[in-house]
Amino acid sequence: MLRTIGFPGQYTQGPGALDALGEQLARAGFARAVVLCDAAVGESLWPRVDASLRRAGLDAHRAMFPGECTKGAIADLANRVRAFVPDVVVGLGGGKAIDCAKGVAMALGAQVAVCPTIASNDAPTSRLIVLYDDDHRVVGVDYLSRNPVLVLVDTDVIVRAPVRFFAAGIGDAISKRFEAAQCCASGGHNSFGTPPLDTALRLTNMVYDVLMSDGRAACAAVAAGRLDATVERVVEATVLLSGVGFESGGLSLAHALIRGLTAIPSISSMLHGELVAFGTLVQMEAEGQNDQDIEALIELLVAVALPVTLRELGQRDALTQAERDTIVDATLAAAYSRHMTPPLTAGRLARALHDADRRGEAALRRRAATTIAPVDAPGLV
């Protein structure tokens, strides 16, 4: 049976990496670049990026990301920059700006390069384009024909972003070990439509090991605005290893649950990685993982101020039966929910949701009783 794994054409990470963007694109043979970024990112980074591109002899044009990655926004942006005839579209910003740049590149038949300014998820290396509606709800996924030709991560930029985004990247990545394992065990396929290679599964295990060993220290460093070796290792894990791991290893309940959680208005505004962090706990409960492993994960999530309860996700009151049914039904309607063994049922999912929330509440009560705050993490700011 054929098995497929995908990689970005080139991955570059380190302090000051943005200054090498023009050189790396020119070396790859590009000549005309559209850079898609929002107003805030453009104000702080566009002059530097523009200078790098022009030093390397590229024609550069800036386009404004409108704030949401919808089909309409992608079509409108593609029409606006079509006359420039770019051969590469650069996504400069967070996950939605990056996905919008991917969509524009696909519409124009151009290649895409990715320069994330936050390490809040593992979108940069993948072919996936997550599409939303104007109410910020996920409505579908498109795919590039190939992975980004370049992913360039400037870790000086990453540590200047709020620590909440960095922690969200940990939340998004920590699930991949469990999701890829379930996808494989259930006979599911990855985003390339094949079973995963062992390499992808090994990468997801590496992600988990790095985050468990360095996640706390790296968050503390970012909270202090300090770039050190733990930050570099965690960024590599959350952006590169997790990105290749999820795309080529496959997803499962932790990501399927996003469809359910975001169907509840009080929860829908949380960051992707925050939702996945809680979803990982739910998946572990649904799998019947041992208490020691679940508690170890909760300890990490609490230490880096990631949510471990529905209350921390914004649901202040107990879920009504109708809300619980909405979460369960929307989750089971997501294709990834079928990557579970034994097959997931509504009752098992409802119990796992309840048990994860109850276990998280117990962990928060223990923390409050001992008056020990998360390690140098200022909370969800």
Protein backbone atom coordinates (compact mmCIF):
# COMPACT_ATOMS: atom_id res chain seq x y z
CA MET A 1 0.00 0.00 0.00
CA LEU A 2 1.28 3.44 -0.91
CA ARG A 3 2.03 5.80 1.97
CA THR A 4 2.88 9.50 1.56
CA ILE A 5 4.59 12.16 3.62
CA GLY A 6 4.92 15.84 2.68
CA PHE A 7 7.48 18.50 3.54
CA PRO A 8 7.95 22.20 2.80
CA GLY A 9 10.57 22.89 0.14
CA GLN A 10 12.84 24.59 2.66
CA TYR A 11 12.58 25.43 6.35
CA THR A 12 14.68 28.19 7.94
CA GLN A 13 14.50 29.18 11.60
CA GLY A 14 16.45 31.53 13.83
CA PRO A 15 16.92 35.11 15.04
CA GLY A 16 16.93 37.64 12.21
CA ALA A 17 15.65 35.15 9.65
CA LEU A 18 13.35 37.71 8.01
CA ASP A 19 16.39 39.60 6.72
CA ALA A 20 17.23 36.53 4.61
CA LEU A 21 13.79 36.29 2.97
CA GLY A 22 14.74 38.07 -0.24
CA GLU A 23 17.95 36.11 -0.66
CA GLN A 24 16.21 32.77 -0.17
CA LEU A 25 13.37 33.59 -2.56
CA ALA A 26 15.81 34.85 -5.21
CA ARG A 27 17.88 31.69 -4.85
CA ALA A 28 14.73 29.67 -5.48
CA GLY A 29 14.21 31.58 -8.75
CA PHE A 30 11.42 33.98 -7.79
CA ALA A 31 11.27 37.54 -9.09
CA ARG A 32 7.88 39.06 -8.15
CA ALA A 33 6.52 38.72 -4.62
CA VAL A 34 3.18 39.74 -3.13
CA VAL A 35 3.38 39.93 0.66
CA LEU A 36 0.05 39.47 2.43
CA CYS A 37 -0.09 40.85 5.99
CA ASP A 38 -2.45 42.78 8.23
CA ALA A 39 -2.05 46.42 9.25
CA ALA A 40 -0.34 45.78 12.59
CA VAL A 41 2.20 43.33 11.19
CA GLY A 42 2.78 45.52 8.16
CA GLU A 43 3.51 48.57 10.25
CA SER A 44 6.20 46.81 12.26
CA LEU A 45 7.70 44.39 9.72
CA TRP A 46 6.86 45.45 6.16
CA PRO A 47 9.74 47.96 5.82
CA ARG A 48 12.21 45.27 6.85
CA VAL A 49 10.69 42.65 4.55
CA ASP A 50 10.45 45.08 1.65
CA ALA A 51 14.11 46.02 2.07
CA SER A 52 15.15 42.35 2.11
CA LEU A 53 13.21 41.59 -1.07
CA ARG A 54 14.52 44.62 -2.94
CA ARG A 55 18.13 43.96 -1.89
CA ALA A 56 17.77 40.59 -3.56
CA GLY A 57 16.36 42.16 -6.74
CA LEU A 58 12.73 41.11 -6.33
CA ASP A 59 9.79 43.34 -7.23
CA ALA A 60 7.61 43.56 -4.13
CA HIS A 61 3.97 44.44 -3.55
CA ARG A 62 2.11 44.52 -0.23
CA ALA A 63 -1.51 43.37 0.12
CA MET A 64 -3.68 43.77 3.21
CA PHE A 65 -5.16 40.75 4.97
CA PRO A 66 -8.79 41.65 5.77
CA GLY A 67 -8.94 39.75 9.07
CA GLU A 68 -10.70 36.53 8.12
CA CYS A 69 -9.84 33.72 5.72
CA THR A 70 -13.05 33.33 3.73
CA LYS A 71 -13.58 32.26 0.13
CA GLY A 72 -14.77 35.77 -0.65
CA ALA A 73 -11.69 37.40 0.90
CA ILE A 74 -9.37 35.10 -1.06
CA ALA A 75 -11.15 35.80 -4.35
CA ASP A 76 -11.14 39.56 -3.74
CA LEU A 77 -7.43 39.65 -2.86
CA ALA A 78 -6.53 37.50 -5.86
CA ASN A 79 -8.35 39.90 -8.17
CA ARG A 80 -6.63 42.92 -6.60
CA VAL A 81 -3.08 41.60 -7.09
CA ARG A 82 -3.56 39.66 -10.32
CA ALA A 83 -2.23 42.51 -12.47
CA PHE A 84 1.07 42.44 -10.55
CA VAL A 85 1.56 38.85 -11.84
CA PRO A 86 3.38 37.50 -8.76
CA ASP A 87 5.27 34.24 -8.98
CA VAL A 88 5.26 33.86 -5.18
CA VAL A 89 2.81 34.97 -2.48
CA VAL A 90 4.30 35.45 0.99
CA GLY A 91 2.08 35.01 4.03
CA LEU A 92 3.39 37.22 6.84
CA GLY A 93 1.42 36.94 10.07
CA GLY A 94 -0.68 34.45 12.01
CA GLY A 95 -2.47 31.32 10.90
CA LYS A 96 -5.42 32.95 9.14
CA ALA A 97 -3.22 35.39 7.22
CA ILE A 98 -1.01 32.48 6.20
CA ASP A 99 -3.98 30.42 5.03
CA CYS A 100 -5.34 33.40 3.11
CA ALA A 101 -1.97 33.77 1.38
CA LYS A 102 -2.11 30.09 0.45
CA GLY A 103 -5.56 30.61 -1.04
CA VAL A 104 -4.45 33.63 -3.06
CA ALA A 105 -1.41 31.75 -4.35
CA MET A 106 -3.61 28.84 -5.41
CA ALA A 107 -6.04 31.17 -7.18
CA LEU A 108 -3.19 32.82 -9.10
CA GLY A 109 -1.20 29.68 -9.87
CA ALA A 110 1.74 31.04 -7.86
CA GLN A 111 3.90 29.40 -5.21
CA VAL A 112 3.58 30.30 -1.53
CA ALA A 113 6.18 31.19 1.09
CA VAL A 114 5.29 31.46 4.77
CA CYS A 115 6.73 33.77 7.43
CA PRO A 116 4.81 33.27 10.68
CA THR A 117 4.98 36.10 13.20
CA ILE A 118 3.50 34.00 16.00
CA ALA A 119 4.02 30.33 16.81
CA SER A 120 0.39 29.69 17.71
CA ASN A 121 -0.25 26.70 15.42
CA ASP A 122 1.39 24.40 12.88
CA ALA A 123 -0.26 25.80 9.73
CA PRO A 124 2.95 27.19 8.15
CA THR A 125 4.41 23.97 6.72
CA SER A 126 1.20 22.38 5.46
CA ARG A 127 -0.86 22.44 2.26
CA LEU A 128 -4.08 22.95 4.20
CA ILE A 129 -6.18 26.12 3.95
CA VAL A 130 -8.78 26.36 6.71
CA LEU A 131 -11.76 28.39 5.53
CA TYR A 132 -14.11 30.38 7.76
CA ASP A 133 -17.35 32.28 7.31
CA ASP A 134 -17.86 35.92 8.27
CA ASP A 135 -18.95 34.80 11.76
CA HIS A 136 -15.53 33.17 12.31
CA ARG A 137 -16.85 29.61 12.08
CA VAL A 138 -14.89 26.89 10.28
CA VAL A 139 -16.72 25.94 7.09
CA GLY A 140 -14.23 23.80 5.19
CA VAL A 141 -10.70 23.01 4.09
CA ASP A 142 -8.93 23.47 0.75
CA TYR A 143 -5.55 22.08 -0.26
CA LEU A 144 -2.61 23.46 -2.18
CA SER A 145 -1.17 21.17 -4.82
CA ARG A 146 2.12 21.18 -2.92
CA ASN A 147 3.54 22.32 0.39
CA PRO A 148 4.93 25.85 0.77
CA VAL A 149 8.18 26.34 -1.12
CA LEU A 150 9.70 28.14 1.88
CA VAL A 151 8.86 28.43 5.58
CA LEU A 152 10.96 31.06 7.33
CA VAL A 153 10.58 31.56 11.09
CA ASP A 154 12.26 34.56 12.71
CA THR A 155 12.44 33.63 16.39
CA ASP A 156 13.28 37.22 17.37
CA VAL A 157 9.81 38.09 16.08
CA ILE A 158 8.18 35.10 17.76
CA VAL A 159 9.38 36.05 21.27
CA ARG A 160 8.01 39.58 20.90
CA ALA A 161 4.45 38.28 20.49
CA PRO A 162 2.22 37.75 23.55
CA VAL A 163 2.99 34.53 25.40
CA ARG A 164 -0.63 33.43 24.96
CA PHE A 165 0.06 32.77 21.27
CA PHE A 166 3.21 30.80 22.04
CA ALA A 167 1.30 28.68 24.55
CA ALA A 168 -1.46 28.10 21.99
CA GLY A 169 1.17 26.62 19.67
CA ILE A 170 2.00 24.11 22.39
CA GLY A 171 -1.71 23.34 22.77
CA ASP A 172 -2.10 22.70 19.05
CA ALA A 173 1.01 20.51 18.83
CA ILE A 174 0.60 18.42 21.99
CA SER A 175 -2.36 16.56 20.47
CA LYS A 176 -0.52 15.19 17.46
CA ARG A 177 1.00 12.14 19.15
CA PHE A 178 -2.45 10.92 20.16
CA GLU A 179 -4.25 11.92 16.98
CA ALA A 180 -1.76 10.36 14.57
CA ALA A 181 -1.71 7.17 16.64
CA GLN A 182 -5.51 6.91 16.51
CA CYS A 183 -5.59 7.69 12.81
CA CYS A 184 -3.13 4.87 12.18
CA ALA A 185 -4.82 2.38 14.52
CA SER A 186 -8.26 2.99 13.02
CA GLY A 187 -7.06 2.55 9.45
CA GLY A 188 -7.57 6.24 8.68
CA HIS A 189 -5.78 8.30 6.08
CA ASN A 190 -3.67 11.44 6.35
CA SER A 191 -4.27 14.61 4.32
CA PHE A 192 -2.55 13.00 1.31
CA GLY A 193 -5.17 10.24 1.31
CA THR A 194 -2.82 7.45 2.42
CA PRO A 195 -1.97 5.67 5.66
CA PRO A 196 0.88 7.42 7.51
CA LEU A 197 4.50 6.45 7.20
CA ASP A 198 6.28 5.54 10.42
CA THR A 199 8.35 8.73 10.00
CA ALA A 200 5.27 10.87 10.59
CA LEU A 201 4.34 8.94 13.73
CA ARG A 202 7.88 9.27 15.05
CA LEU A 203 7.77 13.02 14.46
CA THR A 204 4.60 13.36 16.54
CA ASN A 205 6.27 11.43 19.36
CA MET A 206 9.25 13.81 19.15
CA VAL A 207 6.86 16.78 19.40
CA TYR A 208 5.33 15.40 22.59
CA ASP A 209 8.73 14.70 24.17
CA VAL A 210 10.08 18.19 23.40
CA LEU A 211 6.98 19.94 24.73
CA MET A 212 6.88 17.90 27.92
CA SER A 213 10.57 18.58 28.60
CA ASP A 214 10.93 22.20 27.40
CA GLY A 215 7.43 23.68 27.18
CA ARG A 216 7.35 25.27 30.61
CA ALA A 217 10.80 26.81 30.37
CA ALA A 218 10.18 28.08 26.85
CA CYS A 219 6.93 29.79 27.88
CA ALA A 220 8.71 31.39 30.81
CA ALA A 221 11.41 32.70 28.46
CA VAL A 222 8.85 34.13 26.01
CA ALA A 223 6.92 35.74 28.88
CA ALA A 224 10.17 37.49 29.80
CA GLY A 225 10.88 38.43 26.16
CA ARG A 226 13.96 36.20 26.13
CA LEU A 227 15.09 33.98 23.25
CA ASP A 228 16.97 30.88 24.37
CA ALA A 229 17.60 27.29 23.33
CA THR A 230 14.33 26.02 24.83
CA VAL A 231 12.36 28.51 22.75
CA GLU A 232 14.18 27.44 19.58
CA ARG A 233 13.47 23.76 20.32
CA VAL A 234 9.80 24.37 21.08
CA VAL A 235 9.30 26.51 17.96
CA GLU A 236 10.86 23.78 15.84
CA ALA A 237 8.51 21.27 17.49
CA THR A 238 5.32 23.34 17.21
CA VAL A 239 5.89 24.66 13.68
CA LEU A 240 8.00 22.14 11.74
CA LEU A 241 7.68 18.75 13.46
CA SER A 242 4.02 19.15 14.39
CA GLY A 243 3.17 20.54 10.95
CA VAL A 244 4.68 17.62 9.07
CA GLY A 245 3.39 15.23 11.74
CA PHE A 246 -0.26 16.23 11.57
CA GLU A 247 -0.45 16.53 7.79
CA SER A 248 1.26 13.22 7.14
CA GLY A 249 0.22 11.40 10.32
CA GLY A 250 -3.47 12.29 10.38
CA LEU A 251 -5.89 13.91 12.81
CA SER A 252 -8.52 12.57 15.18
CA LEU A 253 -10.88 13.63 17.96
CA ALA A 254 -8.90 16.54 19.41
CA HIS A 255 -9.30 18.45 16.14
CA ALA A 256 -12.77 17.14 15.32
CA LEU A 257 -13.95 18.56 18.64
CA ILE A 258 -13.18 22.08 17.39
CA ARG A 259 -16.28 21.83 15.20
CA GLY A 260 -18.33 21.06 18.28
CA LEU A 261 -16.79 23.57 20.66
CA THR A 262 -16.98 26.49 18.24
CA ALA A 263 -20.69 25.79 17.75
CA ILE A 264 -21.13 27.23 21.27
CA PRO A 265 -21.00 31.06 21.03
CA SER A 266 -19.28 31.56 24.38
CA ILE A 267 -16.39 29.31 23.27
CA SER A 268 -16.06 30.22 19.59
CA SER A 269 -13.58 33.09 20.06
CA MET A 270 -10.85 31.02 21.72
CA LEU A 271 -7.57 30.42 19.91
CA HIS A 272 -7.24 27.26 17.84
CA GLY A 273 -4.50 25.84 20.05
CA GLU A 274 -6.48 26.53 23.21
CA LEU A 275 -9.39 24.51 21.84
CA VAL A 276 -7.09 21.68 20.78
CA ALA A 277 -5.42 21.59 24.20
CA PHE A 278 -8.74 20.87 25.88
CA GLY A 279 -9.66 18.56 23.01
CA THR A 280 -6.56 16.50 23.73
CA LEU A 281 -7.76 15.90 27.27
CA VAL A 282 -11.15 14.84 25.94
CA GLN A 283 -9.49 12.46 23.48
CA MET A 284 -7.34 10.93 26.20
CA GLU A 285 -10.43 10.36 28.33
CA ALA A 286 -12.25 8.82 25.37
CA GLU A 287 -9.30 6.51 24.75
CA GLY A 288 -9.19 5.42 28.39
CA GLN A 289 -5.61 6.58 28.84
CA ASN A 290 -4.16 5.98 32.29
CA ASP A 291 -4.56 8.62 34.98
CA GLN A 292 -0.82 9.25 35.28
CA ASP A 293 -0.45 10.28 31.64
CA ILE A 294 -3.56 12.47 31.67
CA GLU A 295 -2.46 14.20 34.87
CA ALA A 296 1.02 14.79 33.42
CA LEU A 297 -0.51 16.52 30.43
CA ILE A 298 -2.82 18.60 32.63
CA GLU A 299 0.19 19.68 34.68
CA LEU A 300 1.90 21.01 31.54
CA LEU A 301 -1.24 22.75 30.25
CA VAL A 302 -1.87 24.44 33.59
CA ALA A 303 1.78 25.49 33.84
CA VAL A 304 1.61 27.34 30.51
CA ALA A 305 -1.88 28.76 31.16
CA LEU A 306 -3.74 26.65 28.61
CA PRO A 307 -7.39 25.84 29.34
CA VAL A 308 -8.22 22.52 30.96
CA THR A 309 -11.93 23.22 31.59
CA LEU A 310 -14.94 24.45 29.69
CA ARG A 311 -15.07 27.38 32.08
CA GLU A 312 -11.60 28.48 31.00
CA LEU A 313 -12.77 28.22 27.39
CA GLY A 314 -15.46 30.81 28.14
CA GLN A 315 -18.42 28.63 29.13
CA ARG A 316 -19.18 30.18 32.52
CA ASP A 317 -22.29 28.11 33.26
CA ALA A 318 -22.68 24.35 33.10
CA LEU A 319 -23.56 23.10 29.64
CA THR A 320 -27.23 22.58 29.04
CA GLN A 321 -28.28 19.25 27.54
CA ALA A 322 -28.98 21.06 24.27
CA GLU A 323 -25.48 22.58 24.24
CA ARG A 324 -23.88 19.23 25.03
CA ASP A 325 -25.85 17.61 22.22
CA THR A 326 -24.76 20.39 19.85
CA ILE A 327 -21.09 19.78 20.67
CA VAL A 328 -21.41 16.02 20.30
CA ASP A 329 -23.38 16.15 17.04
CA ALA A 330 -21.08 18.70 15.39
CA THR A 331 -18.00 16.76 16.48
CA LEU A 332 -19.27 13.44 15.17
CA ALA A 333 -20.13 15.13 11.86
CA ALA A 334 -16.44 16.03 11.38
CA ALA A 335 -14.52 13.48 9.34
CA TYR A 336 -11.61 13.31 11.80
CA SER A 337 -13.90 11.91 14.51
CA ARG A 338 -13.98 8.63 12.58
CA HIS A 339 -10.27 8.18 13.28
CA MET A 340 -10.87 6.51 16.64
CA THR A 341 -10.73 2.92 17.76
CA PRO A 342 -13.07 1.58 18.88
CA PRO A 343 -15.39 3.79 16.83
CA LEU A 344 -16.57 6.86 18.70
CA THR A 345 -20.18 6.98 19.88
CA ALA A 346 -22.23 9.92 21.10
CA GLY A 347 -22.40 8.50 24.60
CA ARG A 348 -18.68 7.87 24.85
CA LEU A 349 -17.90 11.37 23.59
CA ALA A 350 -20.34 12.99 26.02
CA ARG A 351 -18.78 11.08 28.93
CA ALA A 352 -15.26 12.02 27.83
CA LEU A 353 -16.26 15.69 27.59
CA HIS A 354 -17.70 15.58 31.10
CA ASP A 355 -14.77 13.64 32.58
CA ALA A 356 -12.13 15.92 31.03
CA ASP A 357 -13.91 19.01 32.35
CA ARG A 358 -14.28 17.50 35.82
CA ARG A 359 -10.64 16.42 35.93
CA GLY A 360 -9.52 19.87 34.82
CA GLU A 361 -11.61 21.55 37.51
CA ALA A 362 -10.06 19.27 40.12
CA ALA A 363 -6.58 20.21 38.93
CA LEU A 364 -7.37 23.92 39.18
CA ARG A 365 -8.74 23.47 42.71
CA ARG A 366 -5.54 21.69 43.73
CA ARG A 367 -3.46 24.50 42.27
CA ALA A 368 -5.50 27.13 44.10
CA ALA A 369 -5.18 25.22 47.36
CA THR A 370 -1.40 25.14 47.11
CA THR A 371 -1.25 28.80 45.90
CA ILE A 372 1.37 27.85 43.30
CA ALA A 373 0.94 29.87 40.11
CA PRO A 374 2.02 28.65 36.62
CA VAL A 375 5.77 28.97 36.12
CA ASP A 376 6.43 32.56 35.05
CA ALA A 377 3.33 32.46 32.85
CA PRO A 378 1.11 35.53 33.26
CA GLY A 379 -2.05 33.70 32.24
CA LEU A 380 -4.28 34.26 29.26
CA VAL A 381 -3.43 37.86 28.39
